[in-house]
Amino acid sequence: MPTVLAHVLAGSGVPWWATAAAYALAVAGAVLALAARTRRLRSGGLAAVGVGLATWLILGAILPGPPAAPSYRMSLASPDGATTLTSPILVRTCGFWPSGLVATVPGSGEVLSIAVDGSERASTAASSVAVPVPPGTHRLRVEVLSSDHRAFSPRLFVEGTVTVGGEGTIPATPQCPATPPATSSPSP
């Protein structure tokens, strides 16, 4: 089975400890400024508040949070719920805008991350991909990510269970339905 050298980057790029340290510095400075009996200690406390808040703002500006999710709904045309599939399985995504018009999934600046049993098996900018899967029952997750593999907020994905019986040929790529299916991912 091929190894995929990609990963999903979730949340902000700011380490939790850096945000916590900036916050702690601001809080400690505020406590010192309020409890200080001398002007020098009060000034030092206020300076600590300023440095803590400035650090927190700078970290947020340099390493912003996750991008906003696209507003389309996503579904799978394949696998289509067949009882037993052969490997490689064909994964085909479809999308619909809130108006009901067909959306391209993944869209411009987006990729799909295909995971089987929690392990990423493929990453592609195409709407369909063949993914090798060993025999057995597996959990399939297809998530739309930004082109730099950052998870959207809220996350945009579809999941399902697939059962693979053995190896076979890749089936023909199915067309997306003309109207949104009832079981598509929610729009943000």
C-alpha atoms as a PDB file:
ATOM      1  CA  MET A   1       0.000   0.000   0.000  1.00  0.00           C
ATOM      2  CA  PRO A   2       1.474   3.407  -0.964  1.00  0.00           C
ATOM      3  CA  THR A   3       2.470   5.836   1.753  1.00  0.00           C
ATOM      4  CA  VAL A   4       0.950   9.309   1.588  1.00  0.00           C
ATOM      5  CA  LEU A   5       3.290  12.030   2.747  1.00  0.00           C
ATOM      6  CA  ALA A   6       0.651  14.579   3.691  1.00  0.00           C
ATOM      7  CA  HIS A   7      -1.180  15.568   6.789  1.00  0.00           C
ATOM      8  CA  VAL A   8      -4.065  17.682   7.977  1.00  0.00           C
ATOM      9  CA  LEU A   9      -3.219  20.854   9.842  1.00  0.00           C
ATOM     10  CA  ALA A  10      -6.059  21.704  12.190  1.00  0.00           C
ATOM     11  CA  GLY A  11      -6.721  24.830  14.176  1.00  0.00           C
ATOM     12  CA  SER A  12      -4.389  27.733  14.614  1.00  0.00           C
ATOM     13  CA  GLY A  13      -0.676  27.504  13.947  1.00  0.00           C
ATOM     14  CA  VAL A  14       0.040  29.102  17.333  1.00  0.00           C
ATOM     15  CA  PRO A  15       1.333  26.579  19.891  1.00  0.00           C
ATOM     16  CA  TRP A  16      -0.998  26.347  22.904  1.00  0.00           C
ATOM     17  CA  TRP A  17       1.827  27.125  25.308  1.00  0.00           C
ATOM     18  CA  ALA A  18       2.688  30.403  23.533  1.00  0.00           C
ATOM     19  CA  THR A  19      -0.890  31.632  23.819  1.00  0.00           C
ATOM     20  CA  ALA A  20      -1.045  30.458  27.440  1.00  0.00           C
ATOM     21  CA  ALA A  21       2.245  32.226  28.291  1.00  0.00           C
ATOM     22  CA  ALA A  22       1.070  35.518  26.739  1.00  0.00           C
ATOM     23  CA  TYR A  23      -2.222  35.257  28.624  1.00  0.00           C
ATOM     24  CA  ALA A  24      -0.477  34.386  31.915  1.00  0.00           C
ATOM     25  CA  LEU A  25       1.885  37.341  31.527  1.00  0.00           C
ATOM     26  CA  ALA A  26      -1.049  39.717  30.990  1.00  0.00           C
ATOM     27  CA  VAL A  27      -2.983  38.317  33.977  1.00  0.00           C
ATOM     28  CA  ALA A  28       0.062  38.366  36.275  1.00  0.00           C
ATOM     29  CA  GLY A  29       0.775  41.936  35.208  1.00  0.00           C
ATOM     30  CA  ALA A  30      -2.805  42.966  35.933  1.00  0.00           C
ATOM     31  CA  VAL A  31      -2.683  41.356  39.394  1.00  0.00           C
ATOM     32  CA  LEU A  32       0.647  43.068  40.107  1.00  0.00           C
ATOM     33  CA  ALA A  33      -0.647  46.444  38.906  1.00  0.00           C
ATOM     34  CA  LEU A  34      -3.777  46.173  41.069  1.00  0.00           C
ATOM     35  CA  ALA A  35      -1.964  44.934  44.182  1.00  0.00           C
ATOM     36  CA  ALA A  36       1.133  47.162  43.893  1.00  0.00           C
ATOM     37  CA  ARG A  37       1.787  49.655  46.640  1.00  0.00           C
ATOM     38  CA  THR A  38       4.443  51.577  44.740  1.00  0.00           C
ATOM     39  CA  ARG A  39       4.318  53.407  41.433  1.00  0.00           C
ATOM     40  CA  ARG A  40       7.309  51.403  40.167  1.00  0.00           C
ATOM     41  CA  LEU A  41       5.593  48.012  40.740  1.00  0.00           C
ATOM     42  CA  ARG A  42       2.329  49.331  39.270  1.00  0.00           C
ATOM     43  CA  SER A  43       4.179  50.518  36.154  1.00  0.00           C
ATOM     44  CA  GLY A  44       5.939  47.147  35.861  1.00  0.00           C
ATOM     45  CA  GLY A  45       2.589  45.344  36.128  1.00  0.00           C
ATOM     46  CA  LEU A  46       1.033  47.534  33.447  1.00  0.00           C
ATOM     47  CA  ALA A  47       4.053  46.948  31.211  1.00  0.00           C
ATOM     48  CA  ALA A  48       3.614  43.179  31.655  1.00  0.00           C
ATOM     49  CA  VAL A  49      -0.073  43.513  30.687  1.00  0.00           C
ATOM     50  CA  GLY A  50       0.949  45.431  27.569  1.00  0.00           C
ATOM     51  CA  VAL A  51       3.636  42.929  26.568  1.00  0.00           C
ATOM     52  CA  GLY A  52       1.308  39.965  27.176  1.00  0.00           C
ATOM     53  CA  LEU A  53      -1.528  41.448  25.121  1.00  0.00           C
ATOM     54  CA  ALA A  54       0.804  42.595  22.336  1.00  0.00           C
ATOM     55  CA  THR A  55       2.381  39.125  22.144  1.00  0.00           C
ATOM     56  CA  TRP A  56      -1.040  37.492  21.986  1.00  0.00           C
ATOM     57  CA  LEU A  57      -2.153  39.844  19.164  1.00  0.00           C
ATOM     58  CA  ILE A  58       1.078  39.402  17.204  1.00  0.00           C
ATOM     59  CA  LEU A  59       0.908  35.611  17.446  1.00  0.00           C
ATOM     60  CA  GLY A  60      -2.687  35.713  16.178  1.00  0.00           C
ATOM     61  CA  ALA A  61      -1.737  37.968  13.256  1.00  0.00           C
ATOM     62  CA  ILE A  62       1.319  35.926  12.232  1.00  0.00           C
ATOM     63  CA  LEU A  63      -0.327  32.528  12.624  1.00  0.00           C
ATOM     64  CA  PRO A  64      -4.055  33.012  11.999  1.00  0.00           C
ATOM     65  CA  GLY A  65      -6.718  30.425  12.748  1.00  0.00           C
ATOM     66  CA  PRO A  66      -8.266  28.022  10.266  1.00  0.00           C
ATOM     67  CA  PRO A  67      -9.822  29.298   7.029  1.00  0.00           C
ATOM     68  CA  ALA A  68     -13.603  29.543   6.702  1.00  0.00           C
ATOM     69  CA  ALA A  69     -15.259  26.515   5.102  1.00  0.00           C
ATOM     70  CA  PRO A  70     -16.732  26.765   1.617  1.00  0.00           C
ATOM     71  CA  SER A  71     -20.520  27.059   1.646  1.00  0.00           C
ATOM     72  CA  TYR A  72     -21.298  24.051  -0.539  1.00  0.00           C
ATOM     73  CA  ARG A  73     -22.641  20.684   0.633  1.00  0.00           C
ATOM     74  CA  MET A  74     -20.659  17.577  -0.179  1.00  0.00           C
ATOM     75  CA  SER A  75     -21.678  13.972  -0.837  1.00  0.00           C
ATOM     76  CA  LEU A  76     -20.152  10.776  -2.214  1.00  0.00           C
ATOM     77  CA  ALA A  77     -21.233   9.394  -5.590  1.00  0.00           C
ATOM     78  CA  SER A  78     -18.853   6.509  -4.996  1.00  0.00           C
ATOM     79  CA  PRO A  79     -18.657   4.341  -3.024  1.00  0.00           C
ATOM     80  CA  ASP A  80     -22.411   4.198  -3.454  1.00  0.00           C
ATOM     81  CA  GLY A  81     -23.348   1.872  -0.611  1.00  0.00           C
ATOM     82  CA  ALA A  82     -22.593  -1.362  -2.450  1.00  0.00           C
ATOM     83  CA  THR A  83     -22.439  -4.311  -0.071  1.00  0.00           C
ATOM     84  CA  THR A  84     -18.936  -5.483  -0.969  1.00  0.00           C
ATOM     85  CA  LEU A  85     -16.385  -3.540  -2.971  1.00  0.00           C
ATOM     86  CA  THR A  86     -13.099  -4.543  -4.534  1.00  0.00           C
ATOM     87  CA  SER A  87      -9.810  -2.777  -3.966  1.00  0.00           C
ATOM     88  CA  PRO A  88      -8.874  -0.231  -5.047  1.00  0.00           C
ATOM     89  CA  ILE A  89     -12.129   1.537  -4.244  1.00  0.00           C
ATOM     90  CA  LEU A  90     -13.167   4.538  -6.304  1.00  0.00           C
ATOM     91  CA  VAL A  91     -13.913   7.626  -4.211  1.00  0.00           C
ATOM     92  CA  ARG A  92     -15.952  10.256  -6.109  1.00  0.00           C
ATOM     93  CA  THR A  93     -17.175  13.474  -4.461  1.00  0.00           C
ATOM     94  CA  CYS A  94     -20.021  15.739  -5.528  1.00  0.00           C
ATOM     95  CA  GLY A  95     -21.044  19.145  -4.262  1.00  0.00           C
ATOM     96  CA  PHE A  96     -24.001  21.492  -4.302  1.00  0.00           C
ATOM     97  CA  TRP A  97     -24.291  25.183  -3.512  1.00  0.00           C
ATOM     98  CA  PRO A  98     -27.147  26.275  -1.215  1.00  0.00           C
ATOM     99  CA  SER A  99     -29.034  27.336  -4.375  1.00  0.00           C
ATOM    100  CA  GLY A 100     -28.963  23.691  -5.569  1.00  0.00           C
ATOM    101  CA  LEU A 101     -26.468  24.302  -8.376  1.00  0.00           C
ATOM    102  CA  VAL A 102     -23.624  21.826  -8.776  1.00  0.00           C
ATOM    103  CA  ALA A 103     -20.341  22.820  -7.085  1.00  0.00           C
ATOM    104  CA  THR A 104     -16.908  21.558  -8.049  1.00  0.00           C
ATOM    105  CA  VAL A 105     -15.393  19.516  -5.207  1.00  0.00           C
ATOM    106  CA  PRO A 106     -12.632  20.151  -4.438  1.00  0.00           C
ATOM    107  CA  GLY A 107     -12.839  23.760  -5.583  1.00  0.00           C
ATOM    108  CA  SER A 108     -10.018  26.088  -6.512  1.00  0.00           C
ATOM    109  CA  GLY A 109      -7.406  26.185  -3.731  1.00  0.00           C
ATOM    110  CA  GLU A 110      -8.769  23.007  -2.139  1.00  0.00           C
ATOM    111  CA  VAL A 111      -7.739  19.344  -1.931  1.00  0.00           C
ATOM    112  CA  LEU A 112      -9.424  16.174  -0.726  1.00  0.00           C
ATOM    113  CA  SER A 113      -7.939  14.097   2.064  1.00  0.00           C
ATOM    114  CA  ILE A 114      -9.133  10.489   1.949  1.00  0.00           C
ATOM    115  CA  ALA A 115      -8.661   8.558   5.187  1.00  0.00           C
ATOM    116  CA  VAL A 116      -9.385   4.900   5.878  1.00  0.00           C
ATOM    117  CA  ASP A 117      -9.772   3.925   9.530  1.00  0.00           C
ATOM    118  CA  GLY A 118      -8.307   7.282  10.591  1.00  0.00           C
ATOM    119  CA  SER A 119      -5.158   6.981   8.447  1.00  0.00           C
ATOM    120  CA  GLU A 120      -4.773   9.245   5.421  1.00  0.00           C
ATOM    121  CA  ARG A 121      -4.440   7.151   2.257  1.00  0.00           C
ATOM    122  CA  ALA A 122      -4.642   9.792  -0.469  1.00  0.00           C
ATOM    123  CA  SER A 123      -4.630  13.517  -1.048  1.00  0.00           C
ATOM    124  CA  THR A 124      -5.822  14.891  -4.371  1.00  0.00           C
ATOM    125  CA  ALA A 125      -7.051  17.996  -6.159  1.00  0.00           C
ATOM    126  CA  ALA A 126      -9.339  15.800  -8.303  1.00  0.00           C
ATOM    127  CA  SER A 127     -12.961  14.907  -7.534  1.00  0.00           C
ATOM    128  CA  SER A 128     -12.281  11.189  -7.896  1.00  0.00           C
ATOM    129  CA  VAL A 129      -9.413   8.935  -6.885  1.00  0.00           C
ATOM    130  CA  ALA A 130      -8.764   5.204  -6.604  1.00  0.00           C
ATOM    131  CA  VAL A 131      -7.663   4.219  -3.106  1.00  0.00           C
ATOM    132  CA  PRO A 132      -6.171   0.806  -2.229  1.00  0.00           C
ATOM    133  CA  VAL A 133      -7.963  -0.671   0.794  1.00  0.00           C
ATOM    134  CA  PRO A 134      -7.304  -4.092   2.373  1.00  0.00           C
ATOM    135  CA  PRO A 135     -10.145  -6.628   2.684  1.00  0.00           C
ATOM    136  CA  GLY A 136     -12.536  -6.071   5.591  1.00  0.00           C
ATOM    137  CA  THR A 137     -14.910  -3.416   6.870  1.00  0.00           C
ATOM    138  CA  HIS A 138     -13.442   0.062   7.138  1.00  0.00           C
ATOM    139  CA  ARG A 139     -14.414   3.615   8.050  1.00  0.00           C
ATOM    140  CA  LEU A 140     -13.955   6.012   5.109  1.00  0.00           C
ATOM    141  CA  ARG A 141     -13.605   9.779   5.622  1.00  0.00           C
ATOM    142  CA  VAL A 142     -13.266  12.306   2.813  1.00  0.00           C
ATOM    143  CA  GLU A 143     -12.444  15.843   3.955  1.00  0.00           C
ATOM    144  CA  VAL A 144     -12.026  19.055   1.970  1.00  0.00           C
ATOM    145  CA  LEU A 145      -8.880  20.955   2.986  1.00  0.00           C
ATOM    146  CA  SER A 146      -7.204  24.141   1.809  1.00  0.00           C
ATOM    147  CA  SER A 147      -4.440  23.610  -0.747  1.00  0.00           C
ATOM    148  CA  ASP A 148      -1.860  23.836   2.081  1.00  0.00           C
ATOM    149  CA  HIS A 149      -3.691  21.003   3.922  1.00  0.00           C
ATOM    150  CA  ARG A 150      -5.326  23.158   6.594  1.00  0.00           C
ATOM    151  CA  ALA A 151      -8.701  22.029   7.918  1.00  0.00           C
ATOM    152  CA  PHE A 152     -11.573  24.446   7.399  1.00  0.00           C
ATOM    153  CA  SER A 153     -13.705  25.793  10.215  1.00  0.00           C
ATOM    154  CA  PRO A 154     -16.159  24.222  10.476  1.00  0.00           C
ATOM    155  CA  ARG A 155     -14.657  21.074   9.020  1.00  0.00           C
ATOM    156  CA  LEU A 156     -16.211  19.893   5.729  1.00  0.00           C
ATOM    157  CA  PHE A 157     -16.269  16.111   5.320  1.00  0.00           C
ATOM    158  CA  VAL A 158     -18.360  13.037   4.611  1.00  0.00           C
ATOM    159  CA  GLU A 159     -17.943   9.639   6.263  1.00  0.00           C
ATOM    160  CA  GLY A 160     -19.173   6.152   5.631  1.00  0.00           C
ATOM    161  CA  THR A 161     -18.443   2.487   6.092  1.00  0.00           C
ATOM    162  CA  VAL A 162     -17.074   0.355   3.257  1.00  0.00           C
ATOM    163  CA  THR A 163     -16.605  -3.388   3.055  1.00  0.00           C
ATOM    164  CA  VAL A 164     -13.868  -4.662   0.753  1.00  0.00           C
ATOM    165  CA  GLY A 165     -13.929  -8.301  -0.304  1.00  0.00           C
ATOM    166  CA  GLY A 166     -10.726  -8.513  -2.317  1.00  0.00           C
ATOM    167  CA  GLU A 167      -8.897  -7.030  -5.282  1.00  0.00           C
ATOM    168  CA  GLY A 168     -10.510  -6.125  -8.570  1.00  0.00           C
ATOM    169  CA  THR A 169     -10.691  -3.516 -11.274  1.00  0.00           C
ATOM    170  CA  ILE A 170     -11.496   0.131 -10.742  1.00  0.00           C
ATOM    171  CA  PRO A 171     -15.172   0.723 -11.575  1.00  0.00           C
ATOM    172  CA  ALA A 172     -16.328   3.387 -14.024  1.00  0.00           C
ATOM    173  CA  THR A 173     -16.511   6.866 -12.497  1.00  0.00           C
ATOM    174  CA  PRO A 174     -20.141   7.639 -11.664  1.00  0.00           C
ATOM    175  CA  GLN A 175     -21.747  10.970 -12.473  1.00  0.00           C
ATOM    176  CA  CYS A 176     -22.902  13.277  -9.706  1.00  0.00           C
ATOM    177  CA  PRO A 177     -26.672  13.531  -9.267  1.00  0.00           C
ATOM    178  CA  ALA A 178     -28.436  16.574 -10.734  1.00  0.00           C
ATOM    179  CA  THR A 179     -29.992  17.419  -7.364  1.00  0.00           C
ATOM    180  CA  PRO A 180     -28.497  17.320  -3.851  1.00  0.00           C
ATOM    181  CA  PRO A 181     -28.921  13.992  -2.058  1.00  0.00           C
ATOM    182  CA  ALA A 182     -30.542  13.998   1.370  1.00  0.00           C
ATOM    183  CA  THR A 183     -27.347  12.663   3.007  1.00  0.00           C
ATOM    184  CA  SER A 184     -24.815  15.355   2.137  1.00  0.00           C
ATOM    185  CA  SER A 185     -22.587  17.199   4.581  1.00  0.00           C
ATOM    186  CA  PRO A 186     -24.139  20.295   6.158  1.00  0.00           C
ATOM    187  CA  SER A 187     -23.214  23.706   4.862  1.00  0.00           C
ATOM    188  CA  PRO A 188     -21.696  26.138   7.378  1.00  0.00           C
END
